[in-house]
Amino acid sequence: MKRLPIFLFVVIPFVEIWLLIWVGRHQGAGTVFLSLLASILVGVQVIRHAGSDTLRNAHERIQQGELPGGELLDGAMRMLAGILLILPGYLSDLLGLLLLIPGCRTLARHALLALLPQGLHTVNHSEEIIEGEFVAGQDAQPPRFTALPPPQDDAR
């Protein structure tokens, strides 16, 4: 995991530059320029539509009484796809285009959720009752809160 930043910030840019030079030698500088310009324009459109679509889909889920977690993550991945398309390079464009395919986006979402620590992406719907007293009046003291010890897990 410590080598991931080195890979992201050193190896990938070198691969991107090498691919740009290789395509430029074989297809010409004009082809490289036009392909990069086209991917930037597509990326801007993807970002523009991803935001509004995500808000609309999340609103529909909320109206149905459900949490829009999947829609928000899907929208974030579409935004990431747009950003990858805007970045210059063929490798980032390929990754961005893959994230635009719904099936690939689903696989990426499952892989991302598998990387998260267990319990981070789940919602606890248990109800917790906090007992206390309320005193009203002029002589009432401001409430003092004390930290309660965490509940003991019986499984230990």
N, C-alpha and C. Protein backbone atom coordinates (compact mmCIF):
# COMPACT_ATOMS: atom_id res chain seq x y z
N MET A 1 0.82 -1.19 0.00
CA MET A 1 0.00 0.00 0.00
C MET A 1 0.86 1.26 0.00
N LYS A 2 2.08 1.16 0.55
CA LYS A 2 2.96 2.32 0.57
C LYS A 2 3.49 2.66 -0.81
N ARG A 3 3.45 1.70 -1.73
CA ARG A 3 3.97 1.95 -3.07
C ARG A 3 2.91 2.52 -4.00
N LEU A 4 1.67 2.59 -3.57
CA LEU A 4 0.60 3.11 -4.41
C LEU A 4 0.82 4.56 -4.82
N PRO A 5 1.20 5.48 -3.90
CA PRO A 5 1.46 6.86 -4.35
C PRO A 5 2.60 6.95 -5.36
N ILE A 6 3.65 6.16 -5.18
CA ILE A 6 4.75 6.17 -6.14
C ILE A 6 4.24 5.72 -7.50
N PHE A 7 3.42 4.69 -7.50
CA PHE A 7 2.86 4.17 -8.75
C PHE A 7 1.98 5.22 -9.40
N LEU A 8 1.11 5.87 -8.61
CA LEU A 8 0.17 6.84 -9.17
C LEU A 8 0.84 8.10 -9.69
N PHE A 9 1.86 8.57 -8.99
CA PHE A 9 2.44 9.86 -9.33
C PHE A 9 3.75 9.78 -10.11
N VAL A 10 4.30 8.60 -10.27
CA VAL A 10 5.55 8.47 -11.02
C VAL A 10 5.37 7.55 -12.22
N VAL A 11 4.94 6.34 -11.99
CA VAL A 11 4.88 5.34 -13.06
C VAL A 11 3.80 5.68 -14.09
N ILE A 12 2.60 5.98 -13.63
CA ILE A 12 1.50 6.25 -14.57
C ILE A 12 1.80 7.45 -15.46
N PRO A 13 2.29 8.60 -14.94
CA PRO A 13 2.62 9.70 -15.86
C PRO A 13 3.67 9.33 -16.91
N PHE A 14 4.68 8.54 -16.52
CA PHE A 14 5.66 8.12 -17.51
C PHE A 14 5.04 7.25 -18.60
N VAL A 15 4.14 6.36 -18.21
CA VAL A 15 3.44 5.52 -19.19
C VAL A 15 2.58 6.39 -20.10
N GLU A 16 1.90 7.38 -19.52
CA GLU A 16 1.06 8.28 -20.34
C GLU A 16 1.92 9.05 -21.35
N ILE A 17 3.04 9.58 -20.91
CA ILE A 17 3.93 10.33 -21.82
C ILE A 17 4.48 9.41 -22.90
N TRP A 18 4.87 8.20 -22.53
CA TRP A 18 5.39 7.25 -23.51
C TRP A 18 4.32 6.93 -24.56
N LEU A 19 3.07 6.72 -24.12
CA LEU A 19 1.99 6.42 -25.07
C LEU A 19 1.73 7.61 -26.01
N LEU A 20 1.77 8.83 -25.47
CA LEU A 20 1.57 10.01 -26.32
C LEU A 20 2.67 10.12 -27.37
N ILE A 21 3.90 9.89 -26.97
CA ILE A 21 5.01 9.95 -27.92
C ILE A 21 4.89 8.84 -28.96
N TRP A 22 4.54 7.64 -28.52
CA TRP A 22 4.43 6.50 -29.43
C TRP A 22 3.33 6.73 -30.47
N VAL A 23 2.16 7.21 -30.02
CA VAL A 23 1.07 7.49 -30.96
C VAL A 23 1.47 8.65 -31.86
N GLY A 24 2.15 9.65 -31.33
CA GLY A 24 2.59 10.78 -32.14
C GLY A 24 3.55 10.36 -33.23
N ARG A 25 4.43 9.43 -32.95
CA ARG A 25 5.38 8.94 -33.97
C ARG A 25 4.67 8.14 -35.06
N HIS A 26 3.68 7.35 -34.67
CA HIS A 26 3.02 6.47 -35.63
C HIS A 26 1.84 7.11 -36.35
N GLN A 27 1.15 8.03 -35.68
CA GLN A 27 -0.05 8.63 -36.27
C GLN A 27 0.10 10.12 -36.56
N GLY A 28 1.07 10.76 -35.95
CA GLY A 28 1.28 12.19 -36.16
C GLY A 28 0.79 13.02 -34.99
N ALA A 29 1.38 14.19 -34.87
CA ALA A 29 1.05 15.08 -33.76
C ALA A 29 -0.38 15.60 -33.84
N GLY A 30 -0.88 15.78 -35.06
CA GLY A 30 -2.26 16.24 -35.23
C GLY A 30 -3.27 15.25 -34.67
N THR A 31 -3.03 13.98 -34.88
CA THR A 31 -3.92 12.95 -34.34
C THR A 31 -3.91 12.97 -32.82
N VAL A 32 -2.73 13.12 -32.23
CA VAL A 32 -2.64 13.18 -30.77
C VAL A 32 -3.39 14.40 -30.26
N PHE A 33 -3.17 15.56 -30.88
CA PHE A 33 -3.82 16.79 -30.44
C PHE A 33 -5.34 16.67 -30.55
N LEU A 34 -5.85 16.19 -31.70
CA LEU A 34 -7.29 16.08 -31.88
C LEU A 34 -7.92 15.05 -30.95
N SER A 35 -7.23 13.94 -30.70
CA SER A 35 -7.79 12.94 -29.79
C SER A 35 -7.84 13.46 -28.35
N LEU A 36 -6.81 14.21 -27.95
CA LEU A 36 -6.83 14.79 -26.61
C LEU A 36 -7.91 15.86 -26.48
N LEU A 37 -8.08 16.67 -27.51
CA LEU A 37 -9.12 17.68 -27.50
C LEU A 37 -10.51 17.03 -27.43
N ALA A 38 -10.71 15.97 -28.21
CA ALA A 38 -12.00 15.27 -28.19
C ALA A 38 -12.28 14.67 -26.82
N SER A 39 -11.27 14.08 -26.21
CA SER A 39 -11.51 13.47 -24.90
C SER A 39 -11.81 14.53 -23.84
N ILE A 40 -11.20 15.71 -23.96
CA ILE A 40 -11.50 16.80 -23.03
C ILE A 40 -12.95 17.24 -23.18
N LEU A 41 -13.40 17.41 -24.41
CA LEU A 41 -14.78 17.83 -24.65
C LEU A 41 -15.78 16.79 -24.14
N VAL A 42 -15.49 15.51 -24.36
CA VAL A 42 -16.36 14.45 -23.85
C VAL A 42 -16.35 14.45 -22.32
N GLY A 43 -15.19 14.62 -21.72
CA GLY A 43 -15.08 14.65 -20.26
C GLY A 43 -15.89 15.77 -19.64
N VAL A 44 -15.87 16.95 -20.26
CA VAL A 44 -16.65 18.08 -19.75
C VAL A 44 -18.14 17.76 -19.82
N GLN A 45 -18.58 17.16 -20.92
CA GLN A 45 -19.99 16.79 -21.04
C GLN A 45 -20.39 15.72 -20.03
N VAL A 46 -19.51 14.77 -19.79
CA VAL A 46 -19.80 13.71 -18.80
C VAL A 46 -19.97 14.33 -17.43
N ILE A 47 -19.08 15.23 -17.05
CA ILE A 47 -19.19 15.87 -15.74
C ILE A 47 -20.46 16.70 -15.65
N ARG A 48 -20.78 17.41 -16.70
CA ARG A 48 -21.98 18.25 -16.71
C ARG A 48 -23.23 17.42 -16.49
N HIS A 49 -23.34 16.30 -17.18
CA HIS A 49 -24.54 15.47 -17.08
C HIS A 49 -24.54 14.59 -15.84
N ALA A 50 -23.38 14.18 -15.36
CA ALA A 50 -23.31 13.29 -14.20
C ALA A 50 -23.88 13.96 -12.96
N GLY A 51 -23.59 15.23 -12.78
CA GLY A 51 -24.09 15.93 -11.60
C GLY A 51 -25.60 16.03 -11.57
N SER A 52 -26.19 16.46 -12.68
CA SER A 52 -27.65 16.61 -12.70
C SER A 52 -28.35 15.25 -12.65
N ASP A 53 -27.81 14.25 -13.34
CA ASP A 53 -28.41 12.92 -13.29
C ASP A 53 -28.34 12.33 -11.88
N THR A 54 -27.23 12.53 -11.21
CA THR A 54 -27.07 12.01 -9.86
C THR A 54 -28.07 12.65 -8.91
N LEU A 55 -28.22 13.95 -9.00
CA LEU A 55 -29.19 14.63 -8.13
C LEU A 55 -30.60 14.15 -8.41
N ARG A 56 -30.96 13.99 -9.65
CA ARG A 56 -32.30 13.53 -10.01
C ARG A 56 -32.54 12.10 -9.49
N ASN A 57 -31.58 11.20 -9.70
CA ASN A 57 -31.74 9.81 -9.26
C ASN A 57 -31.77 9.72 -7.73
N ALA A 58 -30.93 10.50 -7.06
CA ALA A 58 -30.92 10.49 -5.60
C ALA A 58 -32.25 11.02 -5.06
N HIS A 59 -32.79 12.06 -5.69
CA HIS A 59 -34.07 12.63 -5.26
C HIS A 59 -35.19 11.60 -5.42
N GLU A 60 -35.17 10.85 -6.52
CA GLU A 60 -36.19 9.81 -6.72
C GLU A 60 -36.11 8.74 -5.64
N ARG A 61 -34.89 8.33 -5.28
CA ARG A 61 -34.74 7.32 -4.24
C ARG A 61 -35.23 7.84 -2.89
N ILE A 62 -34.93 9.10 -2.60
CA ILE A 62 -35.38 9.69 -1.34
C ILE A 62 -36.90 9.76 -1.31
N GLN A 63 -37.51 10.12 -2.44
CA GLN A 63 -38.98 10.16 -2.52
C GLN A 63 -39.60 8.79 -2.28
N GLN A 64 -38.86 7.73 -2.64
CA GLN A 64 -39.34 6.37 -2.41
C GLN A 64 -39.06 5.90 -0.99
N GLY A 65 -38.41 6.73 -0.19
CA GLY A 65 -38.10 6.39 1.19
C GLY A 65 -36.87 5.54 1.34
N GLU A 66 -35.98 5.55 0.36
CA GLU A 66 -34.77 4.74 0.41
C GLU A 66 -33.55 5.65 0.45
N LEU A 67 -32.44 5.11 0.95
CA LEU A 67 -31.20 5.87 0.97
C LEU A 67 -30.56 5.84 -0.42
N PRO A 68 -30.06 6.97 -0.91
CA PRO A 68 -29.51 7.02 -2.27
C PRO A 68 -28.02 6.72 -2.33
N GLY A 69 -27.51 5.85 -1.49
CA GLY A 69 -26.08 5.58 -1.44
C GLY A 69 -25.52 5.08 -2.75
N GLY A 70 -26.20 4.14 -3.38
CA GLY A 70 -25.74 3.60 -4.65
C GLY A 70 -25.72 4.64 -5.74
N GLU A 71 -26.75 5.49 -5.78
CA GLU A 71 -26.81 6.54 -6.80
C GLU A 71 -25.70 7.56 -6.60
N LEU A 72 -25.41 7.90 -5.34
CA LEU A 72 -24.34 8.88 -5.09
C LEU A 72 -22.98 8.32 -5.47
N LEU A 73 -22.73 7.06 -5.15
CA LEU A 73 -21.46 6.45 -5.51
C LEU A 73 -21.34 6.30 -7.03
N ASP A 74 -22.45 5.96 -7.67
CA ASP A 74 -22.46 5.86 -9.12
C ASP A 74 -22.17 7.22 -9.76
N GLY A 75 -22.78 8.26 -9.22
CA GLY A 75 -22.52 9.61 -9.72
C GLY A 75 -21.09 10.05 -9.51
N ALA A 76 -20.52 9.68 -8.36
CA ALA A 76 -19.12 10.02 -8.09
C ALA A 76 -18.20 9.31 -9.08
N MET A 77 -18.54 8.08 -9.42
CA MET A 77 -17.71 7.35 -10.39
C MET A 77 -17.85 7.95 -11.79
N ARG A 78 -19.03 8.42 -12.13
CA ARG A 78 -19.20 9.09 -13.43
C ARG A 78 -18.42 10.40 -13.46
N MET A 79 -18.39 11.11 -12.33
CA MET A 79 -17.59 12.34 -12.26
C MET A 79 -16.11 12.01 -12.41
N LEU A 80 -15.68 10.93 -11.75
CA LEU A 80 -14.29 10.49 -11.88
C LEU A 80 -13.98 10.13 -13.32
N ALA A 81 -14.94 9.51 -14.00
CA ALA A 81 -14.75 9.18 -15.41
C ALA A 81 -14.53 10.45 -16.23
N GLY A 82 -15.32 11.48 -15.96
CA GLY A 82 -15.15 12.75 -16.65
C GLY A 82 -13.80 13.38 -16.38
N ILE A 83 -13.36 13.32 -15.13
CA ILE A 83 -12.05 13.88 -14.78
C ILE A 83 -10.94 13.11 -15.49
N LEU A 84 -11.05 11.77 -15.52
CA LEU A 84 -10.04 10.97 -16.21
C LEU A 84 -10.01 11.27 -17.71
N LEU A 85 -11.18 11.57 -18.29
CA LEU A 85 -11.21 11.92 -19.71
C LEU A 85 -10.57 13.29 -19.96
N ILE A 86 -10.67 14.19 -19.01
CA ILE A 86 -10.08 15.52 -19.17
C ILE A 86 -8.56 15.47 -19.04
N LEU A 87 -8.06 14.59 -18.18
CA LEU A 87 -6.61 14.47 -18.03
C LEU A 87 -5.98 14.03 -19.35
N PRO A 88 -4.86 14.63 -19.73
CA PRO A 88 -4.25 14.22 -20.99
C PRO A 88 -3.58 12.85 -20.87
N GLY A 89 -3.88 11.99 -21.82
CA GLY A 89 -3.26 10.68 -21.83
C GLY A 89 -4.25 9.61 -22.25
N TYR A 90 -3.73 8.59 -22.88
CA TYR A 90 -4.59 7.52 -23.39
C TYR A 90 -4.97 6.52 -22.31
N LEU A 91 -4.12 6.29 -21.35
CA LEU A 91 -4.44 5.36 -20.27
C LEU A 91 -5.57 5.91 -19.41
N SER A 92 -5.49 7.18 -19.05
CA SER A 92 -6.56 7.80 -18.26
C SER A 92 -7.86 7.85 -19.06
N ASP A 93 -7.77 8.08 -20.37
CA ASP A 93 -8.97 8.06 -21.21
C ASP A 93 -9.61 6.68 -21.23
N LEU A 94 -8.79 5.64 -21.31
CA LEU A 94 -9.32 4.28 -21.31
C LEU A 94 -10.03 3.97 -20.00
N LEU A 95 -9.41 4.35 -18.88
CA LEU A 95 -10.05 4.13 -17.58
C LEU A 95 -11.35 4.93 -17.46
N GLY A 96 -11.34 6.16 -17.95
CA GLY A 96 -12.55 6.99 -17.93
C GLY A 96 -13.66 6.39 -18.77
N LEU A 97 -13.32 5.90 -19.96
CA LEU A 97 -14.33 5.27 -20.80
C LEU A 97 -14.88 3.99 -20.18
N LEU A 98 -14.01 3.22 -19.51
CA LEU A 98 -14.48 2.01 -18.84
C LEU A 98 -15.47 2.35 -17.72
N LEU A 99 -15.22 3.45 -17.00
CA LEU A 99 -16.13 3.85 -15.93
C LEU A 99 -17.46 4.36 -16.46
N LEU A 100 -17.55 4.67 -17.73
CA LEU A 100 -18.82 5.09 -18.31
C LEU A 100 -19.71 3.90 -18.65
N ILE A 101 -19.15 2.72 -18.72
CA ILE A 101 -19.93 1.51 -19.00
C ILE A 101 -20.57 1.04 -17.69
N PRO A 102 -21.90 0.92 -17.63
CA PRO A 102 -22.55 0.58 -16.36
C PRO A 102 -22.03 -0.71 -15.72
N GLY A 103 -21.76 -1.74 -16.49
CA GLY A 103 -21.27 -2.99 -15.92
C GLY A 103 -19.89 -2.84 -15.30
N CYS A 104 -19.02 -2.10 -15.96
CA CYS A 104 -17.68 -1.86 -15.41
C CYS A 104 -17.77 -0.98 -14.17
N ARG A 105 -18.70 -0.04 -14.19
CA ARG A 105 -18.89 0.84 -13.03
C ARG A 105 -19.38 0.02 -11.82
N THR A 106 -20.24 -0.96 -12.07
CA THR A 106 -20.72 -1.83 -10.99
C THR A 106 -19.57 -2.65 -10.42
N LEU A 107 -18.73 -3.20 -11.30
CA LEU A 107 -17.57 -3.95 -10.82
C LEU A 107 -16.63 -3.06 -10.01
N ALA A 108 -16.42 -1.84 -10.47
CA ALA A 108 -15.55 -0.91 -9.74
C ALA A 108 -16.16 -0.55 -8.39
N ARG A 109 -17.48 -0.38 -8.33
CA ARG A 109 -18.14 -0.06 -7.07
C ARG A 109 -17.97 -1.21 -6.08
N HIS A 110 -18.15 -2.46 -6.54
CA HIS A 110 -17.98 -3.62 -5.65
C HIS A 110 -16.53 -3.73 -5.18
N ALA A 111 -15.58 -3.46 -6.07
CA ALA A 111 -14.16 -3.51 -5.68
C ALA A 111 -13.85 -2.42 -4.66
N LEU A 112 -14.41 -1.24 -4.86
CA LEU A 112 -14.18 -0.14 -3.92
C LEU A 112 -14.78 -0.45 -2.55
N LEU A 113 -15.99 -0.99 -2.52
CA LEU A 113 -16.62 -1.33 -1.26
C LEU A 113 -15.88 -2.46 -0.55
N ALA A 114 -15.27 -3.36 -1.33
CA ALA A 114 -14.50 -4.45 -0.72
C ALA A 114 -13.22 -3.92 -0.08
N LEU A 115 -12.68 -2.81 -0.59
CA LEU A 115 -11.46 -2.23 -0.03
C LEU A 115 -11.72 -1.46 1.26
N LEU A 116 -12.95 -0.99 1.45
CA LEU A 116 -13.26 -0.22 2.65
C LEU A 116 -13.26 -1.13 3.87
N PRO A 117 -12.88 -0.60 5.03
CA PRO A 117 -12.95 -1.41 6.26
C PRO A 117 -14.38 -1.88 6.51
N GLN A 118 -14.51 -3.06 7.07
CA GLN A 118 -15.82 -3.64 7.33
C GLN A 118 -16.61 -2.74 8.26
N GLY A 119 -17.85 -2.48 7.92
CA GLY A 119 -18.72 -1.66 8.75
C GLY A 119 -18.71 -0.20 8.36
N LEU A 120 -17.76 0.24 7.55
CA LEU A 120 -17.70 1.64 7.17
C LEU A 120 -18.80 1.99 6.18
N HIS A 121 -19.16 1.04 5.34
CA HIS A 121 -20.17 1.32 4.32
C HIS A 121 -21.52 0.74 4.67
N THR A 122 -21.72 0.32 5.91
CA THR A 122 -23.03 -0.17 6.34
C THR A 122 -23.65 0.85 7.28
N VAL A 123 -24.96 0.84 7.34
CA VAL A 123 -25.69 1.77 8.19
C VAL A 123 -26.27 1.00 9.36
N ASN A 124 -26.09 1.51 10.55
CA ASN A 124 -26.64 0.89 11.73
C ASN A 124 -28.01 1.49 12.00
N HIS A 125 -29.05 0.70 11.89
CA HIS A 125 -30.40 1.19 12.09
C HIS A 125 -30.93 0.90 13.49
N SER A 126 -30.06 0.52 14.41
CA SER A 126 -30.52 0.20 15.76
C SER A 126 -30.90 1.49 16.48
N GLU A 127 -31.92 1.38 17.31
CA GLU A 127 -32.35 2.54 18.08
C GLU A 127 -31.67 2.49 19.44
N GLU A 128 -31.15 3.62 19.86
CA GLU A 128 -30.49 3.69 21.15
C GLU A 128 -31.24 4.71 22.00
N ILE A 129 -31.63 4.30 23.19
CA ILE A 129 -32.35 5.18 24.09
C ILE A 129 -31.37 5.73 25.11
N ILE A 130 -31.36 7.05 25.21
CA ILE A 130 -30.49 7.71 26.17
C ILE A 130 -31.38 8.26 27.28
N GLU A 131 -31.17 7.76 28.49
CA GLU A 131 -31.98 8.20 29.61
C GLU A 131 -31.37 9.46 30.21
N GLY A 132 -32.24 10.31 30.72
CA GLY A 132 -31.76 11.53 31.33
C GLY A 132 -32.90 12.24 32.04
N GLU A 133 -32.61 13.38 32.63
CA GLU A 133 -33.61 14.18 33.32
C GLU A 133 -33.60 15.59 32.75
N PHE A 134 -34.76 16.20 32.75
CA PHE A 134 -34.89 17.57 32.27
C PHE A 134 -35.46 18.40 33.40
N VAL A 135 -34.79 19.50 33.74
CA VAL A 135 -35.25 20.39 34.80
C VAL A 135 -35.44 21.76 34.19
N ALA A 136 -36.66 22.33 34.34
CA ALA A 136 -36.94 23.65 33.80
C ALA A 136 -37.11 24.63 34.95
N GLY A 137 -36.79 25.85 34.72
CA GLY A 137 -36.97 26.88 35.74
C GLY A 137 -35.78 27.82 35.76
N GLN A 138 -35.92 28.89 36.59
CA GLN A 138 -34.87 29.89 36.67
C GLN A 138 -33.63 29.38 37.38
N ASP A 139 -33.80 28.51 38.35
CA ASP A 139 -32.69 28.03 39.15
C ASP A 139 -32.04 26.79 38.55
N ALA A 140 -32.47 26.41 37.40
CA ALA A 140 -31.95 25.17 36.80
C ALA A 140 -30.50 25.35 36.39
N GLN A 141 -29.71 24.37 36.66
CA GLN A 141 -28.31 24.37 36.28
C GLN A 141 -28.19 23.92 34.82
N PRO A 142 -27.19 24.43 34.10
CA PRO A 142 -27.01 23.92 32.73
C PRO A 142 -26.66 22.44 32.77
N PRO A 143 -27.06 21.71 31.79
CA PRO A 143 -26.82 20.27 31.81
C PRO A 143 -25.32 19.96 31.74
N ARG A 144 -24.94 18.92 32.48
CA ARG A 144 -23.57 18.43 32.43
C ARG A 144 -23.61 17.06 31.76
N PHE A 145 -22.78 16.92 30.78
CA PHE A 145 -22.73 15.66 30.06
C PHE A 145 -21.47 14.92 30.46
N THR A 146 -21.63 13.66 30.71
CA THR A 146 -20.48 12.83 31.00
C THR A 146 -20.42 11.72 29.96
N ALA A 147 -19.23 11.36 29.64
CA ALA A 147 -19.06 10.31 28.63
C ALA A 147 -19.38 8.96 29.26
N LEU A 148 -20.18 8.20 28.56
CA LEU A 148 -20.52 6.86 29.00
C LEU A 148 -19.52 5.89 28.40
N PRO A 149 -19.22 4.83 29.11
CA PRO A 149 -18.31 3.83 28.52
C PRO A 149 -18.98 3.17 27.33
N PRO A 150 -18.19 2.76 26.36
CA PRO A 150 -18.80 2.11 25.20
C PRO A 150 -19.47 0.81 25.61
N PRO A 151 -20.54 0.44 24.90
CA PRO A 151 -21.24 -0.80 25.25
C PRO A 151 -20.32 -1.99 25.04
N GLN A 152 -20.43 -2.93 25.96
CA GLN A 152 -19.60 -4.14 25.88
C GLN A 152 -20.23 -5.12 24.90
N ASP A 153 -19.39 -5.68 24.07
CA ASP A 153 -19.86 -6.65 23.09
C ASP A 153 -19.84 -8.03 23.74
N ASP A 154 -20.95 -8.75 23.68
CA ASP A 154 -21.05 -10.06 24.32
C ASP A 154 -20.26 -11.13 23.58
N ALA A 155 -19.87 -10.85 22.34
CA ALA A 155 -19.19 -11.87 21.52
C ALA A 155 -17.74 -12.10 21.95
N ARG A 156 -17.19 -11.18 22.74
CA ARG A 156 -15.77 -11.32 23.15
C ARG A 156 -15.62 -12.37 24.12
